[in-house]
Amino acid sequence: MSSATSTSRPDGFTVGHLFVLLSLIGATIAVVIARPATPESLILVSLTIGAVGFAAVCFYRVLAPLVAPHSDFEQEPLGERLRTDLEREKALTLRSIKELEFDRAMGKLSQQDYEQMVHRLRARALGIMKQLDAGTSNYRERVERDLAARLSARPKSDSRGLAVAESAPGRCACGTTNDHDARFCKSCGSKLVNA
């Protein structure tokens, strides 16, 4: 499994620890204040304060993603090699699911074995698809960089305003390799100098 899909828990003091600590302190204060009470009522007060702390943790976990900065939008786009590998792995996983369905239909697999294997494969395919979707964000900067590079590498114009390529025979200024006897670029339509 790649490091992009693995999850790691933060080390150190977290907000959950804070709520547990506050619940323990609150339960201790409640027990000290209610001295002449019976043991049953002290246990009930402590459990109630613990439940309030647990509810506070749950409430925090629900609201925290709404106000936290979205770090997944700031990820670097996937590289072409990694994207190709993930696409290939997704295709293989989906093909394996189809083969499992076929084997089950043919009676080669029991229902229990089929469910176990297909559950794992579907979870893996879903993880790959999420990773591919996460890698497509933040393409705006990449598109702007490519556009700036293309604009700076524009072909030169001749006196009539037609684009003229200034490179090796058969090679246009836009980077396209053309046939040796071509007069115009097959990609951008610029007139080739050596034609």
N, C-alpha and C. Protein backbone atom coordinates (compact mmCIF):
# COMPACT_ATOMS: atom_id res chain seq x y z
N MET A 1 0.85 -1.17 0.00
CA MET A 1 0.00 0.00 0.00
C MET A 1 0.89 1.23 0.00
N SER A 2 0.55 2.21 -0.79
CA SER A 2 1.38 3.38 -0.91
C SER A 2 1.21 4.28 0.31
N SER A 3 2.20 5.17 0.49
CA SER A 3 2.16 6.05 1.65
C SER A 3 1.07 7.10 1.52
N ALA A 4 0.59 7.36 0.31
CA ALA A 4 -0.47 8.37 0.13
C ALA A 4 -1.80 7.88 0.66
N THR A 5 -2.00 6.56 0.69
CA THR A 5 -3.27 6.06 1.17
C THR A 5 -3.22 5.63 2.63
N SER A 6 -2.03 5.55 3.21
CA SER A 6 -1.96 5.13 4.61
C SER A 6 -2.31 6.31 5.50
N THR A 7 -2.89 5.98 6.64
CA THR A 7 -3.27 7.03 7.59
C THR A 7 -2.38 6.92 8.81
N SER A 8 -2.03 8.04 9.37
CA SER A 8 -1.21 8.05 10.58
C SER A 8 -1.89 8.92 11.61
N ARG A 9 -1.82 8.49 12.85
CA ARG A 9 -2.43 9.25 13.93
C ARG A 9 -1.39 10.22 14.48
N PRO A 10 -1.81 11.42 14.82
CA PRO A 10 -0.85 12.39 15.35
C PRO A 10 -0.38 11.98 16.74
N ASP A 11 0.90 12.15 16.97
CA ASP A 11 1.47 11.87 18.29
C ASP A 11 1.38 13.13 19.13
N GLY A 12 1.25 12.94 20.45
CA GLY A 12 1.20 14.09 21.34
C GLY A 12 -0.21 14.36 21.84
N PHE A 13 -0.39 15.52 22.41
CA PHE A 13 -1.64 15.91 23.05
C PHE A 13 -2.63 16.39 22.00
N THR A 14 -3.81 15.77 21.94
CA THR A 14 -4.82 16.16 20.96
C THR A 14 -6.04 16.72 21.69
N VAL A 15 -7.02 17.16 20.91
CA VAL A 15 -8.24 17.73 21.48
C VAL A 15 -9.03 16.66 22.23
N GLY A 16 -9.01 15.42 21.74
CA GLY A 16 -9.68 14.32 22.43
C GLY A 16 -9.11 14.12 23.83
N HIS A 17 -7.78 14.22 23.94
CA HIS A 17 -7.16 14.11 25.26
C HIS A 17 -7.62 15.24 26.18
N LEU A 18 -7.77 16.43 25.62
CA LEU A 18 -8.23 17.57 26.41
C LEU A 18 -9.62 17.32 26.98
N PHE A 19 -10.55 16.79 26.16
CA PHE A 19 -11.90 16.53 26.64
C PHE A 19 -11.92 15.43 27.70
N VAL A 20 -11.10 14.40 27.52
CA VAL A 20 -11.02 13.33 28.54
C VAL A 20 -10.49 13.90 29.85
N LEU A 21 -9.45 14.73 29.76
CA LEU A 21 -8.88 15.34 30.96
C LEU A 21 -9.89 16.24 31.66
N LEU A 22 -10.62 17.05 30.89
CA LEU A 22 -11.63 17.92 31.49
C LEU A 22 -12.76 17.11 32.12
N SER A 23 -13.14 15.98 31.51
CA SER A 23 -14.17 15.12 32.09
C SER A 23 -13.71 14.53 33.41
N LEU A 24 -12.46 14.08 33.45
CA LEU A 24 -11.93 13.51 34.70
C LEU A 24 -11.86 14.57 35.80
N ILE A 25 -11.42 15.76 35.45
CA ILE A 25 -11.35 16.84 36.44
C ILE A 25 -12.75 17.20 36.91
N GLY A 26 -13.71 17.31 35.98
CA GLY A 26 -15.09 17.62 36.35
C GLY A 26 -15.70 16.55 37.24
N ALA A 27 -15.44 15.25 36.93
CA ALA A 27 -15.97 14.18 37.77
C ALA A 27 -15.35 14.22 39.16
N THR A 28 -14.06 14.51 39.25
CA THR A 28 -13.40 14.59 40.55
C THR A 28 -13.97 15.74 41.38
N ILE A 29 -14.17 16.88 40.77
CA ILE A 29 -14.75 18.03 41.48
C ILE A 29 -16.17 17.71 41.95
N ALA A 30 -16.96 17.05 41.09
CA ALA A 30 -18.33 16.70 41.48
C ALA A 30 -18.35 15.73 42.64
N VAL A 31 -17.43 14.77 42.66
CA VAL A 31 -17.38 13.81 43.77
C VAL A 31 -16.95 14.50 45.06
N VAL A 32 -16.00 15.44 44.97
CA VAL A 32 -15.54 16.15 46.18
C VAL A 32 -16.64 17.06 46.73
N ILE A 33 -17.38 17.70 45.86
CA ILE A 33 -18.44 18.62 46.30
C ILE A 33 -19.59 17.84 46.92
N ALA A 34 -19.94 16.69 46.38
CA ALA A 34 -21.08 15.90 46.87
C ALA A 34 -20.62 14.88 47.90
N ARG A 35 -19.99 15.31 48.99
CA ARG A 35 -19.42 14.41 49.99
C ARG A 35 -20.44 13.54 50.70
N PRO A 36 -21.51 14.07 51.24
CA PRO A 36 -22.38 13.19 52.01
C PRO A 36 -23.26 12.27 51.15
N ALA A 37 -23.02 12.18 49.85
CA ALA A 37 -23.86 11.38 48.97
C ALA A 37 -23.49 9.89 49.06
N THR A 38 -24.39 9.05 48.59
CA THR A 38 -24.15 7.60 48.60
C THR A 38 -23.20 7.24 47.45
N PRO A 39 -22.58 6.08 47.55
CA PRO A 39 -21.65 5.67 46.47
C PRO A 39 -22.36 5.52 45.11
N GLU A 40 -23.60 5.08 45.13
CA GLU A 40 -24.32 4.92 43.86
C GLU A 40 -24.50 6.26 43.16
N SER A 41 -24.84 7.31 43.93
CA SER A 41 -25.05 8.62 43.32
C SER A 41 -23.72 9.21 42.84
N LEU A 42 -22.61 8.94 43.54
CA LEU A 42 -21.31 9.43 43.10
C LEU A 42 -20.91 8.77 41.77
N ILE A 43 -21.16 7.46 41.67
CA ILE A 43 -20.85 6.76 40.41
C ILE A 43 -21.72 7.30 39.28
N LEU A 44 -22.98 7.55 39.58
CA LEU A 44 -23.89 8.09 38.57
C LEU A 44 -23.46 9.48 38.11
N VAL A 45 -23.02 10.33 39.05
CA VAL A 45 -22.55 11.67 38.70
C VAL A 45 -21.29 11.57 37.84
N SER A 46 -20.38 10.67 38.22
CA SER A 46 -19.15 10.51 37.44
C SER A 46 -19.44 10.01 36.03
N LEU A 47 -20.35 9.04 35.89
CA LEU A 47 -20.71 8.53 34.57
C LEU A 47 -21.40 9.61 33.73
N THR A 48 -22.21 10.44 34.38
CA THR A 48 -22.89 11.51 33.65
C THR A 48 -21.88 12.52 33.11
N ILE A 49 -20.92 12.89 33.92
CA ILE A 49 -19.91 13.84 33.47
C ILE A 49 -19.04 13.21 32.38
N GLY A 50 -18.74 11.91 32.51
CA GLY A 50 -18.01 11.21 31.44
C GLY A 50 -18.79 11.20 30.13
N ALA A 51 -20.11 11.00 30.22
CA ALA A 51 -20.95 11.01 29.02
C ALA A 51 -20.99 12.40 28.39
N VAL A 52 -20.98 13.44 29.21
CA VAL A 52 -20.94 14.81 28.69
C VAL A 52 -19.62 15.06 27.96
N GLY A 53 -18.52 14.55 28.52
CA GLY A 53 -17.21 14.68 27.87
C GLY A 53 -17.18 13.95 26.54
N PHE A 54 -17.78 12.75 26.51
CA PHE A 54 -17.83 11.98 25.26
C PHE A 54 -18.68 12.70 24.21
N ALA A 55 -19.79 13.27 24.65
CA ALA A 55 -20.64 14.03 23.72
C ALA A 55 -19.90 15.25 23.19
N ALA A 56 -19.09 15.90 24.05
CA ALA A 56 -18.31 17.06 23.60
C ALA A 56 -17.28 16.65 22.56
N VAL A 57 -16.64 15.49 22.74
CA VAL A 57 -15.68 15.00 21.75
C VAL A 57 -16.38 14.75 20.42
N CYS A 58 -17.54 14.10 20.49
CA CYS A 58 -18.30 13.81 19.26
C CYS A 58 -18.72 15.10 18.57
N PHE A 59 -19.17 16.07 19.33
CA PHE A 59 -19.59 17.35 18.77
C PHE A 59 -18.41 18.05 18.10
N TYR A 60 -17.26 18.00 18.75
CA TYR A 60 -16.05 18.60 18.16
C TYR A 60 -15.67 17.89 16.85
N ARG A 61 -15.74 16.55 16.84
CA ARG A 61 -15.37 15.79 15.64
C ARG A 61 -16.32 16.08 14.48
N VAL A 62 -17.57 16.43 14.79
CA VAL A 62 -18.52 16.77 13.73
C VAL A 62 -18.24 18.17 13.19
N LEU A 63 -17.94 19.12 14.06
CA LEU A 63 -17.77 20.51 13.62
C LEU A 63 -16.37 20.84 13.13
N ALA A 64 -15.35 20.10 13.55
CA ALA A 64 -13.97 20.43 13.19
C ALA A 64 -13.73 20.43 11.68
N PRO A 65 -14.23 19.45 10.92
CA PRO A 65 -13.97 19.50 9.47
C PRO A 65 -14.62 20.68 8.76
N LEU A 66 -15.67 21.24 9.36
CA LEU A 66 -16.34 22.37 8.71
C LEU A 66 -15.53 23.66 8.79
N VAL A 67 -14.72 23.81 9.84
CA VAL A 67 -13.95 25.04 10.01
C VAL A 67 -12.46 24.86 9.75
N ALA A 68 -11.99 23.61 9.64
CA ALA A 68 -10.57 23.36 9.41
C ALA A 68 -10.23 23.67 7.95
N PRO A 69 -9.00 24.11 7.70
CA PRO A 69 -8.61 24.33 6.30
C PRO A 69 -8.57 23.00 5.57
N HIS A 70 -8.98 23.02 4.32
CA HIS A 70 -9.02 21.78 3.53
C HIS A 70 -7.66 21.53 2.92
N SER A 71 -6.88 20.66 3.55
CA SER A 71 -5.55 20.37 3.05
C SER A 71 -5.59 19.49 1.82
N ASP A 72 -6.70 18.75 1.60
CA ASP A 72 -6.75 17.89 0.43
C ASP A 72 -6.88 18.69 -0.87
N PHE A 73 -7.34 19.95 -0.79
CA PHE A 73 -7.42 20.77 -1.98
C PHE A 73 -6.05 21.33 -2.38
N GLU A 74 -5.10 21.30 -1.47
CA GLU A 74 -3.79 21.88 -1.72
C GLU A 74 -2.76 20.82 -2.08
N GLN A 75 -3.18 19.61 -2.38
CA GLN A 75 -2.24 18.56 -2.72
C GLN A 75 -1.65 18.81 -4.09
N GLU A 76 -0.46 18.31 -4.29
CA GLU A 76 0.18 18.37 -5.59
C GLU A 76 -0.47 17.34 -6.49
N PRO A 77 -0.72 17.68 -7.74
CA PRO A 77 -1.34 16.70 -8.64
C PRO A 77 -0.46 15.46 -8.79
N LEU A 78 -1.10 14.35 -9.10
CA LEU A 78 -0.36 13.10 -9.29
C LEU A 78 0.55 13.22 -10.50
N GLY A 79 1.73 12.60 -10.42
CA GLY A 79 2.61 12.54 -11.56
C GLY A 79 2.06 11.58 -12.61
N GLU A 80 2.53 11.72 -13.82
CA GLU A 80 2.01 10.88 -14.91
C GLU A 80 2.31 9.41 -14.67
N ARG A 81 3.49 9.11 -14.15
CA ARG A 81 3.86 7.70 -13.91
C ARG A 81 2.98 7.09 -12.82
N LEU A 82 2.79 7.82 -11.72
CA LEU A 82 1.94 7.32 -10.63
C LEU A 82 0.50 7.19 -11.09
N ARG A 83 0.01 8.17 -11.86
CA ARG A 83 -1.36 8.10 -12.38
C ARG A 83 -1.52 6.88 -13.28
N THR A 84 -0.53 6.60 -14.13
CA THR A 84 -0.60 5.43 -15.01
C THR A 84 -0.61 4.14 -14.20
N ASP A 85 0.24 4.08 -13.17
CA ASP A 85 0.26 2.88 -12.32
C ASP A 85 -1.07 2.68 -11.61
N LEU A 86 -1.64 3.78 -11.09
CA LEU A 86 -2.92 3.66 -10.39
C LEU A 86 -4.04 3.26 -11.34
N GLU A 87 -4.03 3.82 -12.55
CA GLU A 87 -5.05 3.44 -13.54
C GLU A 87 -4.93 1.96 -13.90
N ARG A 88 -3.70 1.48 -14.05
CA ARG A 88 -3.50 0.06 -14.38
C ARG A 88 -3.96 -0.83 -13.22
N GLU A 89 -3.61 -0.42 -11.99
CA GLU A 89 -4.03 -1.21 -10.83
C GLU A 89 -5.54 -1.20 -10.67
N LYS A 90 -6.17 -0.06 -10.96
CA LYS A 90 -7.64 0.01 -10.90
C LYS A 90 -8.27 -0.93 -11.92
N ALA A 91 -7.72 -0.94 -13.13
CA ALA A 91 -8.26 -1.82 -14.18
C ALA A 91 -8.09 -3.28 -13.79
N LEU A 92 -6.93 -3.63 -13.23
CA LEU A 92 -6.71 -5.02 -12.80
C LEU A 92 -7.65 -5.41 -11.66
N THR A 93 -7.88 -4.51 -10.74
CA THR A 93 -8.77 -4.79 -9.62
C THR A 93 -10.20 -4.99 -10.10
N LEU A 94 -10.65 -4.12 -11.01
CA LEU A 94 -12.01 -4.26 -11.54
C LEU A 94 -12.16 -5.54 -12.37
N ARG A 95 -11.10 -5.89 -13.10
CA ARG A 95 -11.14 -7.14 -13.85
C ARG A 95 -11.20 -8.34 -12.91
N SER A 96 -10.47 -8.26 -11.79
CA SER A 96 -10.51 -9.36 -10.82
C SER A 96 -11.91 -9.51 -10.21
N ILE A 97 -12.58 -8.38 -9.98
CA ILE A 97 -13.95 -8.44 -9.46
C ILE A 97 -14.87 -9.13 -10.47
N LYS A 98 -14.72 -8.80 -11.75
CA LYS A 98 -15.55 -9.44 -12.77
C LYS A 98 -15.26 -10.94 -12.85
N GLU A 99 -13.99 -11.32 -12.74
CA GLU A 99 -13.64 -12.74 -12.78
C GLU A 99 -14.22 -13.48 -11.57
N LEU A 100 -14.21 -12.83 -10.42
CA LEU A 100 -14.81 -13.45 -9.23
C LEU A 100 -16.31 -13.65 -9.43
N GLU A 101 -16.97 -12.64 -10.00
CA GLU A 101 -18.40 -12.79 -10.25
C GLU A 101 -18.67 -13.93 -11.22
N PHE A 102 -17.82 -14.05 -12.24
CA PHE A 102 -17.98 -15.14 -13.20
C PHE A 102 -17.75 -16.49 -12.54
N ASP A 103 -16.70 -16.59 -11.71
CA ASP A 103 -16.42 -17.85 -11.00
C ASP A 103 -17.56 -18.22 -10.06
N ARG A 104 -18.15 -17.25 -9.41
CA ARG A 104 -19.28 -17.54 -8.53
C ARG A 104 -20.48 -18.02 -9.33
N ALA A 105 -20.72 -17.37 -10.48
CA ALA A 105 -21.84 -17.78 -11.33
C ALA A 105 -21.63 -19.19 -11.89
N MET A 106 -20.38 -19.57 -12.11
CA MET A 106 -20.08 -20.90 -12.63
C MET A 106 -20.06 -21.96 -11.52
N GLY A 107 -20.14 -21.54 -10.28
CA GLY A 107 -20.16 -22.48 -9.16
C GLY A 107 -18.78 -22.87 -8.67
N LYS A 108 -17.75 -22.14 -9.06
CA LYS A 108 -16.38 -22.46 -8.63
C LYS A 108 -16.07 -21.92 -7.24
N LEU A 109 -16.83 -20.93 -6.78
CA LEU A 109 -16.60 -20.29 -5.48
C LEU A 109 -17.85 -20.40 -4.62
N SER A 110 -17.64 -20.59 -3.32
CA SER A 110 -18.78 -20.54 -2.41
C SER A 110 -19.17 -19.08 -2.18
N GLN A 111 -20.36 -18.87 -1.71
CA GLN A 111 -20.86 -17.51 -1.48
C GLN A 111 -20.01 -16.79 -0.43
N GLN A 112 -19.60 -17.50 0.60
CA GLN A 112 -18.81 -16.89 1.68
C GLN A 112 -17.43 -16.46 1.15
N ASP A 113 -16.77 -17.33 0.38
CA ASP A 113 -15.47 -16.96 -0.19
C ASP A 113 -15.61 -15.78 -1.14
N TYR A 114 -16.67 -15.82 -1.94
CA TYR A 114 -16.90 -14.73 -2.89
C TYR A 114 -17.06 -13.40 -2.16
N GLU A 115 -17.87 -13.38 -1.10
CA GLU A 115 -18.12 -12.15 -0.37
C GLU A 115 -16.86 -11.61 0.28
N GLN A 116 -16.03 -12.51 0.82
CA GLN A 116 -14.78 -12.05 1.45
C GLN A 116 -13.84 -11.43 0.42
N MET A 117 -13.66 -12.13 -0.69
CA MET A 117 -12.71 -11.63 -1.69
C MET A 117 -13.22 -10.38 -2.38
N VAL A 118 -14.50 -10.35 -2.72
CA VAL A 118 -15.02 -9.19 -3.44
C VAL A 118 -15.07 -7.97 -2.53
N HIS A 119 -15.26 -8.18 -1.24
CA HIS A 119 -15.25 -7.04 -0.30
C HIS A 119 -13.86 -6.39 -0.27
N ARG A 120 -12.82 -7.22 -0.20
CA ARG A 120 -11.46 -6.68 -0.19
C ARG A 120 -11.14 -5.97 -1.50
N LEU A 121 -11.53 -6.58 -2.62
CA LEU A 121 -11.22 -5.98 -3.92
C LEU A 121 -11.99 -4.68 -4.13
N ARG A 122 -13.23 -4.63 -3.70
CA ARG A 122 -14.00 -3.39 -3.85
C ARG A 122 -13.43 -2.28 -2.97
N ALA A 123 -13.00 -2.64 -1.77
CA ALA A 123 -12.39 -1.63 -0.89
C ALA A 123 -11.10 -1.09 -1.52
N ARG A 124 -10.32 -1.99 -2.14
CA ARG A 124 -9.08 -1.56 -2.78
C ARG A 124 -9.38 -0.67 -3.99
N ALA A 125 -10.35 -1.07 -4.80
CA ALA A 125 -10.71 -0.26 -5.96
C ALA A 125 -11.22 1.11 -5.54
N LEU A 126 -12.02 1.15 -4.48
CA LEU A 126 -12.52 2.43 -3.98
C LEU A 126 -11.37 3.31 -3.50
N GLY A 127 -10.39 2.71 -2.80
CA GLY A 127 -9.22 3.47 -2.35
C GLY A 127 -8.42 4.04 -3.51
N ILE A 128 -8.26 3.24 -4.57
CA ILE A 128 -7.52 3.72 -5.74
C ILE A 128 -8.27 4.85 -6.41
N MET A 129 -9.59 4.71 -6.54
CA MET A 129 -10.38 5.77 -7.18
C MET A 129 -10.34 7.06 -6.37
N LYS A 130 -10.38 6.95 -5.04
CA LYS A 130 -10.29 8.16 -4.21
C LYS A 130 -8.93 8.82 -4.38
N GLN A 131 -7.88 7.98 -4.46
CA GLN A 131 -6.54 8.54 -4.63
C GLN A 131 -6.41 9.22 -6.00
N LEU A 132 -7.00 8.64 -7.02
CA LEU A 132 -6.98 9.27 -8.34
C LEU A 132 -7.77 10.57 -8.35
N ASP A 133 -8.94 10.59 -7.68
CA ASP A 133 -9.74 11.80 -7.61
C ASP A 133 -9.03 12.89 -6.82
N ALA A 134 -8.34 12.49 -5.74
CA ALA A 134 -7.62 13.48 -4.94
C ALA A 134 -6.46 14.07 -5.73
N GLY A 135 -5.87 13.31 -6.62
CA GLY A 135 -4.74 13.80 -7.41
C GLY A 135 -5.14 14.72 -8.53
N THR A 136 -6.44 14.83 -8.84
CA THR A 136 -6.86 15.71 -9.93
C THR A 136 -7.09 17.13 -9.45
N SER A 137 -7.10 17.35 -8.14
CA SER A 137 -7.31 18.72 -7.65
C SER A 137 -6.06 19.55 -7.87
N ASN A 138 -6.20 20.83 -7.81
CA ASN A 138 -5.11 21.79 -7.90
C ASN A 138 -4.43 21.76 -9.26
N TYR A 139 -5.18 21.60 -10.32
CA TYR A 139 -4.61 21.64 -11.66
C TYR A 139 -4.54 23.06 -12.21
N ARG A 140 -5.13 23.99 -11.51
CA ARG A 140 -5.15 25.37 -12.02
C ARG A 140 -3.73 25.90 -12.21
N GLU A 141 -2.85 25.73 -11.20
CA GLU A 141 -1.48 26.22 -11.33
C GLU A 141 -0.73 25.49 -12.44
N ARG A 142 -1.01 24.20 -12.56
CA ARG A 142 -0.33 23.41 -13.59
C ARG A 142 -0.74 23.87 -14.99
N VAL A 143 -2.04 24.14 -15.16
CA VAL A 143 -2.52 24.62 -16.46
C VAL A 143 -1.93 26.00 -16.76
N GLU A 144 -1.87 26.87 -15.75
CA GLU A 144 -1.31 28.20 -15.97
C GLU A 144 0.17 28.12 -16.32
N ARG A 145 0.93 27.21 -15.69
CA ARG A 145 2.35 27.03 -16.03
C ARG A 145 2.50 26.55 -17.47
N ASP A 146 1.69 25.58 -17.86
CA ASP A 146 1.77 25.06 -19.22
C ASP A 146 1.39 26.13 -20.24
N LEU A 147 0.38 26.93 -19.91
CA LEU A 147 -0.03 27.99 -20.81
C LEU A 147 1.07 29.04 -20.97
N ALA A 148 1.70 29.41 -19.88
CA ALA A 148 2.80 30.38 -19.94
C ALA A 148 3.97 29.82 -20.76
N ALA A 149 4.25 28.52 -20.60
CA ALA A 149 5.33 27.91 -21.37
C ALA A 149 5.00 27.89 -22.85
N ARG A 150 3.75 27.60 -23.19
CA ARG A 150 3.37 27.58 -24.61
C ARG A 150 3.38 28.98 -25.21
N LEU A 151 2.94 29.97 -24.42
CA LEU A 151 2.94 31.33 -24.95
C LEU A 151 4.36 31.83 -25.16
N SER A 152 5.29 31.44 -24.31
CA SER A 152 6.68 31.88 -24.48
C SER A 152 7.35 31.16 -25.63
N ALA A 153 6.86 29.98 -26.01
CA ALA A 153 7.45 29.21 -27.09
C ALA A 153 6.66 29.34 -28.38
N ARG A 154 5.95 30.44 -28.55
CA ARG A 154 5.18 30.67 -29.77
C ARG A 154 6.11 30.74 -30.97
N PRO A 155 5.66 30.22 -32.11
CA PRO A 155 6.50 30.32 -33.31
C PRO A 155 6.59 31.77 -33.81
N LYS A 156 7.71 32.08 -34.42
CA LYS A 156 7.94 33.42 -34.95
C LYS A 156 7.09 33.64 -36.20
N SER A 157 6.80 34.90 -36.51
CA SER A 157 6.00 35.23 -37.69
C SER A 157 6.89 35.82 -38.78
N ASP A 158 6.52 35.57 -40.02
CA ASP A 158 7.25 36.20 -41.13
C ASP A 158 6.63 37.55 -41.44
N SER A 159 7.05 38.17 -42.57
CA SER A 159 6.57 39.51 -42.90
C SER A 159 5.08 39.54 -43.21
N ARG A 160 4.51 38.41 -43.61
CA ARG A 160 3.08 38.37 -43.93
C ARG A 160 2.24 38.00 -42.70
N GLY A 161 2.86 37.77 -41.55
CA GLY A 161 2.12 37.42 -40.35
C GLY A 161 1.90 35.92 -40.19
N LEU A 162 2.51 35.12 -41.07
CA LEU A 162 2.39 33.68 -40.97
C LEU A 162 3.45 33.13 -40.02
N ALA A 163 3.08 32.13 -39.28
CA ALA A 163 4.02 31.53 -38.33
C ALA A 163 5.09 30.77 -39.09
N VAL A 164 6.34 30.93 -38.66
CA VAL A 164 7.46 30.26 -39.31
C VAL A 164 8.22 29.49 -38.25
N ALA A 165 8.52 28.26 -38.54
CA ALA A 165 9.29 27.43 -37.62
C ALA A 165 10.77 27.67 -37.84
N GLU A 166 11.54 27.70 -36.75
CA GLU A 166 12.99 27.91 -36.84
C GLU A 166 13.72 26.76 -36.18
N SER A 167 13.66 25.60 -36.73
CA SER A 167 14.33 24.47 -36.11
C SER A 167 14.81 23.51 -37.18
N ALA A 168 15.19 22.32 -36.76
CA ALA A 168 15.75 21.30 -37.65
C ALA A 168 14.72 20.88 -38.68
N PRO A 169 15.18 20.29 -39.80
CA PRO A 169 14.24 19.86 -40.82
C PRO A 169 13.22 18.88 -40.26
N GLY A 170 11.96 19.13 -40.59
CA GLY A 170 10.89 18.25 -40.12
C GLY A 170 10.45 18.51 -38.70
N ARG A 171 11.09 19.43 -38.00
CA ARG A 171 10.74 19.72 -36.61
C ARG A 171 10.22 21.14 -36.52
N CYS A 172 9.06 21.30 -35.93
CA CYS A 172 8.42 22.61 -35.81
C CYS A 172 8.83 23.27 -34.49
N ALA A 173 8.61 24.57 -34.38
CA ALA A 173 8.93 25.29 -33.14
C ALA A 173 8.02 24.87 -32.00
N CYS A 174 6.82 24.31 -32.33
CA CYS A 174 5.92 23.87 -31.26
C CYS A 174 6.37 22.53 -30.68
N GLY A 175 7.39 21.90 -31.25
CA GLY A 175 7.92 20.66 -30.71
C GLY A 175 7.47 19.42 -31.46
N THR A 176 6.62 19.57 -32.46
CA THR A 176 6.11 18.42 -33.20
C THR A 176 7.11 17.99 -34.26
N THR A 177 7.36 16.70 -34.36
CA THR A 177 8.22 16.16 -35.41
C THR A 177 7.34 15.80 -36.60
N ASN A 178 7.63 16.40 -37.75
CA ASN A 178 6.85 16.19 -38.96
C ASN A 178 7.62 15.30 -39.93
N ASP A 179 6.95 14.92 -41.00
CA ASP A 179 7.62 14.16 -42.06
C ASP A 179 8.69 15.03 -42.70
N HIS A 180 9.71 14.39 -43.30
CA HIS A 180 10.82 15.16 -43.86
C HIS A 180 10.40 16.00 -45.07
N ASP A 181 9.33 15.63 -45.75
CA ASP A 181 8.89 16.40 -46.92
C ASP A 181 7.69 17.29 -46.62
N ALA A 182 7.35 17.47 -45.36
CA ALA A 182 6.19 18.28 -44.99
C ALA A 182 6.49 19.76 -45.17
N ARG A 183 5.50 20.52 -45.61
CA ARG A 183 5.65 21.97 -45.78
C ARG A 183 5.07 22.72 -44.59
N PHE A 184 4.06 22.10 -43.95
CA PHE A 184 3.41 22.72 -42.80
C PHE A 184 3.40 21.74 -41.64
N CYS A 185 3.39 22.28 -40.45
CA CYS A 185 3.35 21.45 -39.25
C CYS A 185 2.00 20.77 -39.14
N LYS A 186 2.00 19.49 -38.80
CA LYS A 186 0.74 18.76 -38.70
C LYS A 186 0.01 19.04 -37.39
N SER A 187 0.66 19.72 -36.44
CA SER A 187 0.01 20.03 -35.17
C SER A 187 -0.54 21.45 -35.15
N CYS A 188 0.32 22.43 -35.43
CA CYS A 188 -0.11 23.83 -35.31
C CYS A 188 -0.36 24.50 -36.65
N GLY A 189 0.08 23.89 -37.75
CA GLY A 189 -0.15 24.46 -39.08
C GLY A 189 0.86 25.50 -39.49
N SER A 190 1.93 25.69 -38.72
CA SER A 190 2.95 26.67 -39.08
C SER A 190 3.70 26.21 -40.32
N LYS A 191 4.18 27.19 -41.12
CA LYS A 191 4.97 26.87 -42.29
C LYS A 191 6.37 26.48 -41.83
N LEU A 192 6.86 25.38 -42.34
CA LEU A 192 8.20 24.92 -41.97
C LEU A 192 9.22 25.61 -42.87
N VAL A 193 10.33 26.05 -42.28
CA VAL A 193 11.35 26.82 -43.01
C VAL A 193 12.00 25.98 -44.10
N ASN A 194 12.29 24.72 -43.82
CA ASN A 194 13.06 23.89 -44.74
C ASN A 194 12.17 23.22 -45.79
N ALA A 195 10.90 23.61 -45.89
CA ALA A 195 10.00 22.94 -46.83
C ALA A 195 10.34 23.29 -48.24
